[in-house]
Amino acid sequence: MTAPTPKGLRLHIALFGRRNVGKSSLLNAVTRQQVSIVSPIAGTTTDPVEKPMELLPLGPVLFVDTAGIDDAGTLGELRIQKTREVLERADLGVVVAEAGKWGEFEEQLLAELAGRRIPAIVVFNKADAAEPDPVLWEQLGQRQLRRVCVSALKLTGIAEFRQALLEAAPADFIDHPAILGDLVGPGEMAVLVVPIDKEAPRGRLILPQVQAIRDLLDNDAFCLVVKERELRSALERLKSPPRLVVTDSQAFLKVAADTPREVLLTSFSILMARFKGDLATQVQGALAIENLRSGDRVLIAEACSHHPIGEDIGRVKIPRWLTQFVGGQLQFEHVQGHDFPQDLAPYRLVIHCGACMWNRREMLSRILRCQQAGVPVTNYGLAIAYSLGIFERALEPFPAALELWRRAARNPAARIPAPPAAPWERSACPA
């Protein structure tokens, strides 16, 4: 039996619009399932409803049906907040309007999507009852917006809607970057160091490890998986050295000591910084560790919502290593899942997990928010490597990131540069 595609690797398609325009009916029509409750009563959808599916020929997607964001009252405000959180992880936005009705509200939705560099599709629903204004239809086309007329009730226009989704899908989803296959190459070997500790799920590997193995196989590379105490023996038995050693960040020091200096070394978490986020920005964020002082506030954010155990990496190990590096007590605060402070100004640094369970856009959204607030952001593996003094070695597989670090090392006064261009400017997201 084939394992389902993780949610973080699916294209996130979010449906936005006023109450009772038929967003839920549209989702049910395109998925051919009764995913969302449909009712003529406005405000039926409360929390976002998710539906994973295979949208051929595009592949695995995740539809997110949101509450109408013209909702009213205290409860309505909570629904609106939940809906706005979906914007943080949407790869593709669908603005649903009732045919014959268009106004400032819909324009604001389009402006919000455009400001986030999220491709948008306009869907005029209930086309069996009315048609959109021809002048408006032409104006939207002139703005290079894909627009479709559908009747979710009569199931007309659904094929055109699916085609519009395929055409609007971001290029970086279709041409998904490699995790590490491009660093190793066909016919070469990577050694993956996988500690089996209290946090390792019983009977299976964690997602980044599984994805790394698959990526190596997809790129015709060899893969050897060992525990940290077996690494030295495994390397001695190889006839030729591996191209790369990848370790769990928690075992960085031991693995660095057991790996010959001429062999490239990095961690799964740092690979995730490149795969799910923006490695250059997060390398710059790690440089802020040098300027931390006793009493500074540090936010540690984790995408997963798991129950922490004794030696939890985010709550115990990273705070301990950073405290030792700084030589004074820091104030650590933690958030999980989609929770994230609206005001980031009080923090001197944000340290994020690898976001293996998220799609890339949600991680880039958080990076963008940190940049807008002027707060450095890095990730677990980079923060650990920096605090343990092996930062340069951990970056050697990534020449551009390594050069960024070396420039900063040559000029310590410029270690905290102005925020770089927003990651959206470097992504291939067609409007």
Protein backbone atom coordinates (compact mmCIF):
# COMPACT_ATOMS: atom_id res chain seq x y z
CA MET A 1 0.00 0.00 0.00
CA THR A 2 1.40 3.40 -1.01
CA ALA A 3 1.68 5.95 1.80
CA PRO A 4 -0.38 9.13 1.27
CA THR A 5 1.44 12.29 0.24
CA PRO A 6 2.23 14.39 3.35
CA LYS A 7 0.14 17.55 3.66
CA GLY A 8 3.24 19.72 3.53
CA LEU A 9 4.03 18.51 -0.01
CA ARG A 10 0.55 19.23 -1.38
CA LEU A 11 -0.41 22.37 -3.30
CA HIS A 12 -2.63 24.36 -0.91
CA ILE A 13 -5.66 25.79 -2.75
CA ALA A 14 -7.76 28.12 -0.57
CA LEU A 15 -11.31 29.28 -1.31
CA PHE A 16 -12.20 32.81 -0.15
CA GLY A 17 -15.32 34.93 -0.47
CA ARG A 18 -18.40 36.35 1.18
CA ARG A 19 -20.81 34.23 3.16
CA ASN A 20 -23.18 32.09 1.16
CA VAL A 21 -21.59 32.60 -2.26
CA GLY A 22 -21.22 28.84 -2.64
CA LYS A 23 -17.60 28.15 -1.65
CA SER A 24 -18.54 24.90 0.05
CA SER A 25 -20.75 23.85 -2.87
CA LEU A 26 -17.87 24.55 -5.26
CA LEU A 27 -15.49 22.43 -3.16
CA ASN A 28 -17.99 19.59 -3.09
CA ALA A 29 -18.44 19.84 -6.86
CA VAL A 30 -14.75 19.83 -7.76
CA THR A 31 -13.92 17.00 -5.34
CA ARG A 32 -17.10 15.08 -6.22
CA GLN A 33 -17.61 14.50 -2.50
CA GLN A 34 -19.72 15.98 0.28
CA VAL A 35 -16.70 17.57 1.99
CA SER A 36 -18.33 20.73 3.39
CA ILE A 37 -21.80 21.17 4.86
CA VAL A 38 -23.96 23.19 2.48
CA SER A 39 -26.87 25.33 3.71
CA PRO A 40 -28.71 28.45 2.53
CA ILE A 41 -28.04 29.89 6.00
CA ALA A 42 -25.14 32.35 5.82
CA GLY A 43 -22.12 31.44 7.95
CA THR A 44 -22.57 27.66 7.85
CA THR A 45 -18.81 27.11 7.44
CA THR A 46 -17.06 28.04 10.69
CA ASP A 47 -13.50 26.71 10.80
CA PRO A 48 -11.50 26.02 7.62
CA VAL A 49 -12.30 22.61 6.11
CA GLU A 50 -9.45 20.70 4.44
CA LYS A 51 -9.77 18.09 1.70
CA PRO A 52 -6.70 16.33 0.23
CA MET A 53 -7.07 14.89 -3.25
CA GLU A 54 -5.20 14.03 -6.44
CA LEU A 55 -5.91 16.72 -9.04
CA LEU A 56 -4.62 15.14 -12.21
CA PRO A 57 -2.42 15.88 -14.01
CA LEU A 58 -1.17 18.35 -11.38
CA GLY A 59 -0.86 15.81 -8.58
CA PRO A 60 -1.53 15.99 -4.81
CA VAL A 61 -3.38 19.11 -3.63
CA LEU A 62 -5.11 20.26 -0.45
CA PHE A 63 -8.31 22.28 -0.82
CA VAL A 64 -9.12 24.60 2.09
CA ASP A 65 -12.70 25.88 2.38
CA THR A 66 -12.82 29.00 4.55
CA ALA A 67 -15.56 30.82 6.44
CA GLY A 68 -17.04 33.88 4.76
CA ILE A 69 -14.85 36.79 5.79
CA ASP A 70 -17.65 39.31 5.74
CA ASP A 71 -18.93 37.53 8.88
CA ALA A 72 -20.41 39.59 11.70
CA GLY A 73 -20.30 39.66 15.49
CA THR A 74 -17.72 38.36 17.98
CA LEU A 75 -17.90 34.81 16.68
CA GLY A 76 -17.62 36.16 13.17
CA GLU A 77 -14.40 37.94 14.08
CA LEU A 78 -12.93 34.64 15.27
CA ARG A 79 -13.95 32.98 12.02
CA ILE A 80 -12.35 35.81 10.04
CA GLN A 81 -9.10 35.37 11.98
CA LYS A 82 -9.06 31.65 11.17
CA THR A 83 -9.67 32.46 7.53
CA ARG A 84 -6.85 34.99 7.42
CA GLU A 85 -4.48 32.38 8.88
CA VAL A 86 -5.14 30.29 5.79
CA LEU A 87 -3.59 33.09 3.71
CA GLU A 88 -0.29 32.30 5.40
CA ARG A 89 -0.18 28.86 3.77
CA ALA A 90 -2.12 29.29 0.53
CA ASP A 91 -0.22 28.51 -2.68
CA LEU A 92 -3.19 29.42 -4.83
CA GLY A 93 -6.20 31.59 -3.95
CA VAL A 94 -9.70 31.24 -5.36
CA VAL A 95 -11.97 34.28 -4.94
CA VAL A 96 -15.56 33.04 -5.18
CA ALA A 97 -18.26 35.60 -5.97
CA GLU A 98 -21.92 35.29 -6.80
CA ALA A 99 -22.47 35.90 -10.48
CA GLY A 100 -23.82 39.39 -10.97
CA LYS A 101 -22.31 40.67 -7.70
CA TRP A 102 -18.87 42.27 -7.35
CA GLY A 103 -17.62 45.06 -5.14
CA GLU A 104 -14.90 46.51 -2.96
CA PHE A 105 -14.91 43.39 -0.79
CA GLU A 106 -13.78 41.15 -3.66
CA GLU A 107 -11.23 43.74 -4.80
CA GLN A 108 -9.73 43.77 -1.32
CA LEU A 109 -9.41 40.00 -1.41
CA LEU A 110 -7.57 40.18 -4.73
CA ALA A 111 -5.32 42.93 -3.35
CA GLU A 112 -4.51 40.79 -0.30
CA LEU A 113 -3.56 37.84 -2.50
CA ALA A 114 -1.53 40.04 -4.85
CA GLY A 115 0.33 41.58 -1.92
CA ARG A 116 1.41 38.12 -0.86
CA ARG A 117 2.36 37.09 -4.41
CA ILE A 118 -0.29 34.36 -4.34
CA PRO A 119 -1.73 33.49 -7.78
CA ALA A 120 -5.49 34.05 -7.89
CA ILE A 121 -8.47 32.73 -9.80
CA VAL A 122 -11.87 34.45 -9.86
CA VAL A 123 -14.87 32.12 -9.89
CA PHE A 124 -18.36 33.46 -10.50
CA ASN A 125 -20.67 30.88 -8.96
CA LYS A 126 -24.44 30.46 -9.42
CA ALA A 127 -24.05 31.11 -13.14
CA ASP A 128 -27.36 29.29 -13.65
CA ALA A 129 -29.07 32.27 -12.01
CA ALA A 130 -27.06 35.22 -13.35
CA GLU A 131 -23.99 36.06 -15.41
CA PRO A 132 -21.14 38.41 -14.44
CA ASP A 133 -21.08 41.90 -15.84
CA PRO A 134 -19.36 41.76 -19.29
CA VAL A 135 -17.38 44.92 -18.57
CA LEU A 136 -16.08 43.48 -15.29
CA TRP A 137 -15.27 40.20 -17.02
CA GLU A 138 -13.17 42.04 -19.59
CA GLN A 139 -11.43 44.17 -16.95
CA LEU A 140 -10.42 41.10 -14.94
CA GLY A 141 -9.00 39.55 -18.10
CA GLN A 142 -6.98 42.68 -18.80
CA ARG A 143 -5.49 42.29 -15.32
CA GLN A 144 -4.26 38.83 -16.33
CA LEU A 145 -6.63 37.16 -13.87
CA ARG A 146 -8.04 33.77 -14.75
CA ARG A 147 -11.82 33.82 -14.39
CA VAL A 148 -14.42 31.11 -14.67
CA CYS A 149 -18.22 30.91 -14.59
CA VAL A 150 -19.60 27.86 -12.77
CA SER A 151 -22.77 26.52 -11.30
CA ALA A 152 -21.90 24.27 -8.39
CA LEU A 153 -25.58 23.35 -8.22
CA LYS A 154 -25.84 22.28 -11.88
CA LEU A 155 -22.21 21.07 -12.01
CA THR A 156 -21.43 23.25 -15.02
CA GLY A 157 -18.07 24.97 -15.52
CA ILE A 158 -16.29 22.57 -13.15
CA ALA A 159 -13.98 21.24 -15.87
CA GLU A 160 -13.02 24.84 -16.75
CA PHE A 161 -12.37 25.54 -13.07
CA ARG A 162 -10.07 22.51 -12.79
CA GLN A 163 -8.21 23.66 -15.91
CA ALA A 164 -7.77 27.14 -14.44
CA LEU A 165 -6.28 25.57 -11.30
CA LEU A 166 -3.76 23.67 -13.40
CA GLU A 167 -2.80 26.78 -15.36
CA ALA A 168 -2.41 28.94 -12.24
CA ALA A 169 -0.37 26.46 -10.19
CA PRO A 170 2.98 28.00 -9.16
CA ALA A 171 5.92 26.78 -11.21
CA ASP A 172 7.92 25.99 -8.09
CA PHE A 173 5.27 23.42 -7.14
CA ILE A 174 5.50 21.69 -10.48
CA ASP A 175 9.30 21.89 -10.57
CA HIS A 176 9.78 20.97 -6.91
CA PRO A 177 13.36 21.46 -5.67
CA ALA A 178 15.40 18.48 -4.58
CA ILE A 179 16.11 17.91 -0.91
CA LEU A 180 19.67 16.65 -1.31
CA GLY A 181 19.84 14.63 -4.53
CA ASP A 182 21.41 17.57 -6.35
CA LEU A 183 24.12 17.74 -3.67
CA VAL A 184 25.07 14.08 -4.08
CA GLY A 185 24.59 13.22 -7.74
CA PRO A 186 23.90 9.98 -9.62
CA GLY A 187 26.12 7.09 -8.63
CA GLU A 188 27.39 8.86 -5.50
CA MET A 189 26.63 7.99 -1.89
CA ALA A 190 25.14 9.86 1.06
CA VAL A 191 25.34 8.53 4.59
CA LEU A 192 22.32 9.43 6.73
CA VAL A 193 22.88 9.43 10.48
CA VAL A 194 19.61 8.66 12.24
CA PRO A 195 19.71 8.55 16.05
CA ILE A 196 17.11 6.31 17.63
CA ASP A 197 16.17 8.14 20.83
CA LYS A 198 13.07 8.83 22.90
CA GLU A 199 11.69 11.22 20.27
CA ALA A 200 12.08 8.77 17.39
CA PRO A 201 8.65 7.34 16.48
CA ARG A 202 8.47 3.65 17.29
CA GLY A 203 8.76 1.44 14.23
CA ARG A 204 9.34 4.23 11.73
CA LEU A 205 11.52 7.19 10.75
CA ILE A 206 10.60 10.86 10.93
CA LEU A 207 9.40 12.56 7.75
CA PRO A 208 12.63 14.42 6.72
CA GLN A 209 14.59 11.15 6.93
CA VAL A 210 12.07 9.30 4.78
CA GLN A 211 11.95 12.15 2.26
CA ALA A 212 15.76 12.26 2.08
CA ILE A 213 15.95 8.55 1.30
CA ARG A 214 13.32 8.85 -1.43
CA ASP A 215 15.00 11.92 -2.92
CA LEU A 216 18.32 10.10 -3.15
CA LEU A 217 16.65 7.14 -4.88
CA ASP A 218 14.86 9.49 -7.29
CA ASN A 219 18.22 11.01 -8.18
CA ASP A 220 19.93 7.62 -8.71
CA ALA A 221 22.20 8.07 -5.70
CA PHE A 222 23.20 5.50 -3.09
CA CYS A 223 22.08 5.75 0.51
CA LEU A 224 23.51 4.26 3.69
CA VAL A 225 21.55 4.73 6.93
CA VAL A 226 23.30 4.32 10.29
CA LYS A 227 22.94 5.33 13.92
CA GLU A 228 25.42 7.85 15.29
CA ARG A 229 27.49 5.29 17.20
CA GLU A 230 27.90 3.18 14.03
CA LEU A 231 29.07 5.98 11.74
CA ARG A 232 32.83 5.62 12.22
CA SER A 233 32.74 1.86 11.60
CA ALA A 234 30.50 2.29 8.56
CA LEU A 235 32.80 4.88 6.99
CA GLU A 236 35.85 2.64 7.54
CA ARG A 237 34.17 -0.19 5.63
CA LEU A 238 33.46 1.90 2.55
CA LYS A 239 35.89 1.53 -0.37
CA SER A 240 35.54 5.23 -1.17
CA PRO A 241 34.28 8.15 0.95
CA PRO A 242 30.67 9.30 0.62
CA ARG A 243 29.81 12.54 -1.12
CA LEU A 244 27.84 13.79 1.88
CA VAL A 245 26.99 12.90 5.48
CA VAL A 246 23.65 14.13 6.82
CA THR A 247 22.91 13.97 10.53
CA ASP A 248 20.17 14.77 12.96
CA SER A 249 21.19 18.16 14.33
CA GLN A 250 21.17 16.85 17.90
CA ALA A 251 24.12 14.57 17.06
CA PHE A 252 26.14 17.26 15.26
CA LEU A 253 29.19 17.22 17.52
CA LYS A 254 29.72 13.46 17.57
CA VAL A 255 29.04 13.08 13.85
CA ALA A 256 31.40 15.96 13.03
CA ALA A 257 34.12 14.30 15.10
CA ASP A 258 33.64 10.93 13.35
CA THR A 259 33.36 12.29 9.80
CA PRO A 260 36.65 12.90 7.94
CA ARG A 261 37.20 16.59 7.31
CA GLU A 262 37.26 16.14 3.54
CA VAL A 263 33.69 14.74 3.55
CA LEU A 264 30.87 17.28 3.34
CA LEU A 265 28.57 17.38 6.37
CA THR A 266 25.22 18.97 7.14
CA SER A 267 21.96 18.17 8.95
CA PHE A 268 18.40 17.22 8.00
CA SER A 269 17.17 20.46 9.55
CA ILE A 270 19.48 22.59 7.40
CA LEU A 271 18.33 20.68 4.32
CA MET A 272 14.77 21.56 5.35
CA ALA A 273 15.76 25.24 5.61
CA ARG A 274 16.62 25.10 1.92
CA PHE A 275 13.75 22.82 0.89
CA LYS A 276 10.90 24.47 2.84
CA GLY A 277 12.21 27.96 3.54
CA ASP A 278 14.92 30.39 2.44
CA LEU A 279 18.39 29.18 3.40
CA ALA A 280 20.18 32.50 2.77
CA THR A 281 17.78 34.45 4.98
CA GLN A 282 17.95 31.86 7.73
CA VAL A 283 21.75 31.79 7.60
CA GLN A 284 21.71 35.56 8.08
CA GLY A 285 19.30 35.07 10.96
CA ALA A 286 21.71 32.67 12.67
CA LEU A 287 24.35 35.42 12.70
CA ALA A 288 22.17 37.28 15.20
CA ILE A 289 23.11 34.64 17.80
CA GLU A 290 26.46 36.41 18.08
CA ASN A 291 24.73 39.55 19.36
CA LEU A 292 22.40 37.91 21.87
CA ARG A 293 22.81 39.12 25.43
CA SER A 294 21.52 37.98 28.79
CA GLY A 295 17.84 38.84 29.17
CA ASP A 296 17.05 38.90 25.43
CA ARG A 297 13.81 37.27 24.34
CA VAL A 298 13.99 34.40 21.84
CA LEU A 299 10.94 32.84 20.20
CA ILE A 300 11.13 29.14 19.35
CA ALA A 301 8.44 28.06 16.89
CA GLU A 302 7.53 24.49 16.01
CA ALA A 303 5.17 23.52 13.22
CA CYS A 304 4.14 20.24 14.86
CA SER A 305 1.90 20.06 17.92
CA HIS A 306 3.44 17.09 19.74
CA HIS A 307 3.71 16.45 23.45
CA PRO A 308 7.27 17.37 24.48
CA ILE A 309 9.38 14.84 26.38
CA GLY A 310 12.30 15.24 28.79
CA GLU A 311 15.11 16.17 26.38
CA ASP A 312 12.94 17.97 23.83
CA ILE A 313 15.11 19.73 21.25
CA GLY A 314 13.10 22.97 21.15
CA ARG A 315 12.39 23.30 24.87
CA VAL A 316 15.53 21.86 26.41
CA LYS A 317 18.49 21.34 24.10
CA ILE A 318 18.46 24.50 21.99
CA PRO A 319 17.85 26.76 25.04
CA ARG A 320 20.72 24.99 26.84
CA TRP A 321 23.18 25.34 23.95
CA LEU A 322 22.27 28.98 23.33
CA THR A 323 22.52 29.82 27.01
CA GLN A 324 26.00 28.27 27.13
CA PHE A 325 27.03 30.21 24.02
CA VAL A 326 25.73 33.54 25.32
CA GLY A 327 26.99 32.98 28.85
CA GLY A 328 23.81 34.33 30.42
CA GLN A 329 20.13 33.59 30.80
CA LEU A 330 17.87 34.23 27.83
CA GLN A 331 14.08 34.45 27.91
CA PHE A 332 12.67 31.66 25.76
CA GLU A 333 9.08 31.53 24.59
CA HIS A 334 7.53 28.72 22.57
CA VAL A 335 4.66 28.42 20.09
CA GLN A 336 3.34 25.37 18.24
CA GLY A 337 1.31 24.65 15.13
CA HIS A 338 -0.18 27.66 13.37
CA ASP A 339 0.09 29.89 16.46
CA PHE A 340 2.46 32.80 15.91
CA PRO A 341 2.62 36.19 17.68
CA GLN A 342 1.15 39.15 15.83
CA ASP A 343 3.79 41.40 17.39
CA LEU A 344 7.33 40.13 16.85
CA ALA A 345 9.08 43.35 17.90
CA PRO A 346 9.93 42.16 21.46
CA TYR A 347 12.07 39.28 20.16
CA ARG A 348 15.75 39.47 19.29
CA LEU A 349 15.59 36.20 17.35
CA VAL A 350 13.08 33.67 16.03
CA ILE A 351 14.21 30.04 15.75
CA HIS A 352 11.92 27.83 13.68
CA CYS A 353 11.81 24.09 13.18
CA GLY A 354 12.35 22.64 9.72
CA ALA A 355 8.60 22.80 8.95
CA CYS A 356 8.64 19.33 7.39
CA MET A 357 4.85 19.03 7.86
CA TRP A 358 4.11 22.35 6.12
CA ASN A 359 4.15 23.50 2.54
CA ARG A 360 6.91 25.90 1.58
CA ARG A 361 4.64 28.92 1.24
CA GLU A 362 3.59 28.85 4.89
CA MET A 363 7.22 28.80 5.99
CA LEU A 364 8.04 31.63 3.57
CA SER A 365 5.08 33.57 4.99
CA ARG A 366 6.60 33.38 8.46
CA ILE A 367 10.00 34.40 7.17
CA LEU A 368 8.39 37.38 5.44
CA ARG A 369 6.61 38.42 8.65
CA CYS A 370 9.89 38.31 10.54
CA GLN A 371 11.58 40.39 7.86
CA GLN A 372 8.79 42.94 7.92
CA ALA A 373 9.20 43.20 11.69
CA GLY A 374 12.99 43.50 11.38
CA VAL A 375 13.53 40.38 13.52
CA PRO A 376 16.19 37.83 12.45
CA VAL A 377 14.86 34.32 11.81
CA THR A 378 16.77 31.06 11.58
CA ASN A 379 16.04 27.37 12.06
CA TYR A 380 16.88 24.61 14.52
CA GLY A 381 19.80 23.08 12.62
CA LEU A 382 21.45 26.40 11.82
CA ALA A 383 21.06 27.64 15.39
CA ILE A 384 22.53 24.42 16.77
CA ALA A 385 25.49 24.45 14.36
CA TYR A 386 26.25 28.08 15.19
CA SER A 387 26.05 27.64 18.96
CA LEU A 388 28.23 24.49 18.81
CA GLY A 389 30.90 26.17 16.69
CA ILE A 390 30.52 24.06 13.53
CA PHE A 391 28.50 26.53 11.47
CA GLU A 392 30.98 26.88 8.61
CA ARG A 393 31.37 23.14 8.17
CA ALA A 394 27.60 22.61 8.17
CA LEU A 395 27.28 25.15 5.32
CA GLU A 396 30.00 23.72 3.08
CA PRO A 397 27.53 21.75 0.90
CA PHE A 398 25.84 25.09 0.02
CA PRO A 399 28.39 27.42 -1.69
CA ALA A 400 26.20 30.56 -1.76
CA ALA A 401 25.27 30.25 1.92
CA LEU A 402 28.89 29.47 2.81
CA GLU A 403 30.11 32.60 1.02
CA LEU A 404 27.51 34.68 2.86
CA TRP A 405 28.88 33.39 6.17
CA ARG A 406 32.50 33.93 5.19
CA ARG A 407 31.81 37.53 4.20
CA ALA A 408 30.20 38.08 7.60
CA ALA A 409 33.14 36.39 9.34
CA ARG A 410 35.58 38.72 7.59
CA ASN A 411 33.53 41.75 8.63
CA PRO A 412 32.01 41.12 12.10
CA ALA A 413 30.57 44.64 12.23
CA ALA A 414 28.26 43.74 9.33
CA ARG A 415 27.03 40.43 10.71
CA ILE A 416 23.49 41.68 11.07
CA PRO A 417 22.80 43.22 7.65
CA ALA A 418 19.62 44.91 6.54
CA PRO A 419 16.85 42.42 5.80
CA PRO A 420 17.31 40.89 2.33
CA ALA A 421 14.70 40.99 -0.39
CA ALA A 422 11.52 39.21 0.57
CA PRO A 423 11.61 35.52 -0.35
CA TRP A 424 8.68 36.12 -2.71
CA GLU A 425 11.04 38.08 -4.96
CA ARG A 426 13.12 34.91 -5.40
CA SER A 427 10.29 32.45 -5.90
CA ALA A 428 8.73 31.51 -9.21
CA CYS A 429 5.09 32.28 -8.52
CA PRO A 430 3.22 33.49 -11.64
CA ALA A 431 0.59 36.10 -10.94
